Amino acid sequence: MKERMPPLSIWPRGLGTMVLVTMAATGCDGPDLPPPPPAEVVADYYKTPAGLEVTLDGRTVEIEVTQSDRQLRRGGTLWAKVGPYVFLFTEESQALFRDHAGVQGIRVTTRNSAGRMVATALLRRGALTEVQWQRALNIAGRARKDGTAQMTLLEDLVDWGEEHTEFEYDTRFHH
């Protein structure tokens, strides 16, 4: 098991900040991180009939998915918000982080058929513990399986996503 650095709160006052500032100033991503895999390798993790586009932005995997206008009309704000989390909290994302240390984040953005951003969520490496990953997979799996019939499952997934990611929704879906 990889040894972790102690939390900054137990370091001598100011040392943690100095280390972070030094790392940021030198462009250091940590100890010899390998580069992220090519976009084609990442896309192989997310095989889906809906289709998606995978690109890389530095060490962040960017996944774009088109959400149907019919689904957005029918499901409204809730379905607009849940879109990224359905793809983000998956075994594929967990495996991508596990298999490729160079991946520091996964962002999923959903767009409508006109290409307008509906919702986006960024999950950073280390944001979830193993126990939290299992919880995320459970919540997302239940939402995918029974969310149409039981809307509270979709609400649970949105709540979980908002607690663990950096997210943004199109202004039409803020309420």
Protein backbone atom coordinates (compact mmCIF):
# COMPACT_ATOMS: atom_id res chain seq x y z
CA MET A 1 0.00 0.00 0.00
CA LYS A 2 1.29 3.45 -0.92
CA GLU A 3 2.30 5.61 2.04
CA ARG A 4 0.42 8.91 2.27
CA MET A 5 1.75 12.23 3.47
CA PRO A 6 0.36 13.37 6.84
CA PRO A 7 -2.40 15.99 6.69
CA LEU A 8 -1.15 19.55 6.38
CA SER A 9 -2.71 20.40 9.75
CA ILE A 10 -0.03 18.41 11.64
CA TRP A 11 2.93 19.91 9.77
CA PRO A 12 4.83 22.78 11.35
CA ARG A 13 2.93 26.03 10.85
CA GLY A 14 3.45 27.34 7.32
CA LEU A 15 5.42 24.35 6.04
CA GLY A 16 2.41 22.81 4.28
CA THR A 17 1.64 26.06 2.51
CA MET A 18 5.29 26.47 1.53
CA VAL A 19 5.38 22.95 0.04
CA LEU A 20 2.17 23.54 -1.92
CA VAL A 21 3.34 26.91 -3.23
CA THR A 22 6.68 25.38 -4.27
CA MET A 23 4.93 22.49 -6.04
CA ALA A 24 2.60 24.87 -7.86
CA ALA A 25 5.41 27.22 -8.85
CA THR A 26 7.56 24.43 -10.26
CA GLY A 27 4.67 22.71 -12.03
CA CYS A 28 5.23 19.58 -9.95
CA ASP A 29 2.43 17.01 -10.20
CA GLY A 30 3.93 14.81 -7.53
CA PRO A 31 6.64 12.21 -7.57
CA ASP A 32 7.29 11.20 -11.18
CA LEU A 33 3.69 10.79 -12.28
CA PRO A 34 3.37 8.95 -15.57
CA PRO A 35 1.51 10.73 -18.34
CA PRO A 36 -2.19 9.97 -18.68
CA PRO A 37 -3.07 7.35 -21.28
CA PRO A 38 -4.08 8.38 -24.81
CA ALA A 39 -7.74 9.33 -25.30
CA GLU A 40 -8.37 6.12 -27.27
CA VAL A 41 -7.29 4.02 -24.27
CA VAL A 42 -9.57 6.02 -21.99
CA ALA A 43 -12.49 5.65 -24.41
CA ASP A 44 -12.10 1.87 -24.22
CA TYR A 45 -13.02 2.08 -20.53
CA TYR A 46 -16.37 3.72 -21.33
CA LYS A 47 -17.97 1.53 -23.96
CA THR A 48 -21.60 2.59 -24.21
CA PRO A 49 -24.24 2.44 -26.93
CA ALA A 50 -25.06 6.13 -26.33
CA GLY A 51 -21.63 7.15 -27.59
CA LEU A 52 -19.36 9.68 -26.05
CA GLU A 53 -16.36 11.80 -26.86
CA VAL A 54 -13.15 11.50 -24.85
CA THR A 55 -10.33 14.04 -24.84
CA LEU A 56 -7.53 14.95 -22.46
CA ASP A 57 -6.91 18.34 -20.92
CA GLY A 58 -3.54 17.98 -19.24
CA ARG A 59 -4.04 15.25 -16.64
CA THR A 60 -7.84 15.52 -16.68
CA VAL A 61 -9.93 13.15 -18.76
CA GLU A 62 -12.77 15.05 -20.43
CA ILE A 63 -15.84 13.01 -21.37
CA GLU A 64 -18.69 14.58 -23.31
CA VAL A 65 -22.07 12.91 -23.65
CA THR A 66 -25.12 14.11 -25.56
CA GLN A 67 -28.29 13.91 -23.50
CA SER A 68 -31.45 13.61 -25.57
CA ASP A 69 -33.75 16.62 -25.73
CA ARG A 70 -36.67 14.28 -25.09
CA GLN A 71 -35.07 13.09 -21.86
CA LEU A 72 -34.33 16.66 -20.76
CA ARG A 73 -37.92 17.77 -21.52
CA ARG A 74 -39.39 14.77 -19.74
CA GLY A 75 -37.07 14.74 -16.73
CA GLY A 76 -36.45 18.45 -16.40
CA THR A 77 -33.99 19.80 -13.87
CA LEU A 78 -33.41 16.50 -12.08
CA TRP A 79 -32.45 14.61 -15.21
CA ALA A 80 -30.29 17.48 -16.40
CA LYS A 81 -28.36 17.48 -13.13
CA VAL A 82 -27.95 13.71 -12.84
CA GLY A 83 -26.43 13.28 -16.31
CA PRO A 84 -22.71 13.61 -15.47
CA TYR A 85 -22.95 11.51 -12.30
CA VAL A 86 -24.42 8.54 -14.18
CA PHE A 87 -21.15 8.30 -16.13
CA LEU A 88 -18.78 9.55 -13.44
CA PHE A 89 -19.62 7.17 -10.59
CA THR A 90 -18.92 3.93 -12.42
CA GLU A 91 -16.58 0.98 -12.19
CA GLU A 92 -14.99 2.34 -15.37
CA SER A 93 -14.02 5.61 -13.67
CA GLN A 94 -12.76 3.78 -10.61
CA ALA A 95 -10.65 1.48 -12.81
CA LEU A 96 -9.30 4.42 -14.81
CA PHE A 97 -8.02 6.07 -11.62
CA ARG A 98 -6.65 2.73 -10.37
CA ASP A 99 -4.91 1.78 -13.61
CA HIS A 100 -3.48 5.18 -14.60
CA ALA A 101 -1.77 7.24 -11.90
CA GLY A 102 -1.29 10.04 -14.42
CA VAL A 103 -5.04 10.69 -14.49
CA GLN A 104 -5.69 13.35 -11.86
CA GLY A 105 -9.32 14.05 -12.63
CA ILE A 106 -12.30 12.94 -14.69
CA ARG A 107 -14.79 15.52 -15.92
CA VAL A 108 -18.07 14.48 -17.49
CA THR A 109 -20.03 17.10 -19.40
CA THR A 110 -23.49 16.50 -20.79
CA ARG A 111 -24.76 18.54 -23.72
CA ASN A 112 -28.10 18.84 -25.45
CA SER A 113 -28.52 18.00 -29.13
CA ALA A 114 -27.59 21.59 -30.08
CA GLY A 115 -24.26 21.21 -28.26
CA ARG A 116 -25.13 23.47 -25.33
CA MET A 117 -23.68 22.44 -21.98
CA VAL A 118 -26.35 21.03 -19.69
CA ALA A 119 -24.20 19.94 -16.73
CA THR A 120 -20.57 19.22 -15.89
CA ALA A 121 -18.89 17.55 -12.93
CA LEU A 122 -15.21 17.04 -12.13
CA LEU A 123 -14.11 14.22 -9.83
CA ARG A 124 -10.55 14.63 -8.66
CA ARG A 125 -8.24 11.72 -7.87
CA GLY A 126 -8.44 10.95 -4.17
CA ALA A 127 -11.82 12.65 -3.67
CA LEU A 128 -13.31 9.28 -2.72
CA THR A 129 -11.95 6.65 -0.35
CA GLU A 130 -12.45 2.97 -1.21
CA VAL A 131 -15.51 2.88 1.05
CA GLN A 132 -16.90 6.02 -0.61
CA TRP A 133 -16.29 4.49 -4.05
CA GLN A 134 -18.38 1.48 -3.05
CA ARG A 135 -21.13 3.81 -1.82
CA ALA A 136 -20.93 5.87 -5.03
CA LEU A 137 -21.20 2.74 -7.19
CA ASN A 138 -24.18 1.57 -5.16
CA ILE A 139 -26.00 4.91 -5.37
CA ALA A 140 -25.29 5.30 -9.10
CA GLY A 141 -26.18 1.69 -9.89
CA ARG A 142 -29.53 1.97 -8.14
CA ALA A 143 -30.24 5.27 -9.91
CA ARG A 144 -29.44 3.76 -13.33
CA LYS A 145 -31.50 0.65 -12.64
CA ASP A 146 -34.60 2.06 -10.93
CA GLY A 147 -34.33 5.85 -11.17
CA THR A 148 -37.08 6.24 -13.76
CA ALA A 149 -39.61 4.58 -11.47
CA GLN A 150 -38.17 5.93 -8.22
CA MET A 151 -37.04 9.53 -8.71
CA THR A 152 -35.61 9.75 -5.18
CA LEU A 153 -32.78 7.51 -6.38
CA LEU A 154 -31.82 10.15 -8.96
CA GLU A 155 -32.03 12.82 -6.26
CA ASP A 156 -29.71 10.74 -4.06
CA LEU A 157 -27.19 10.51 -6.90
CA VAL A 158 -27.30 14.27 -7.53
CA ASP A 159 -26.81 14.93 -3.80
CA TRP A 160 -23.86 12.53 -3.68
CA GLY A 161 -22.33 14.09 -6.79
CA GLU A 162 -22.67 17.61 -5.46
CA GLU A 163 -20.94 16.57 -2.24
CA HIS A 164 -17.92 14.98 -3.96
CA THR A 165 -17.32 16.86 -7.21
CA GLU A 166 -16.87 20.33 -8.62
CA PHE A 167 -20.02 20.83 -10.65
CA GLU A 168 -21.87 23.37 -12.75
CA TYR A 169 -25.31 23.34 -14.33
CA ASP A 170 -26.73 25.38 -17.17
CA THR A 171 -28.64 28.31 -15.68
CA ARG A 172 -31.91 26.80 -16.94
CA PHE A 173 -31.45 23.96 -14.44
CA HIS A 174 -30.45 25.71 -11.20
CA HIS A 175 -33.68 25.34 -9.25
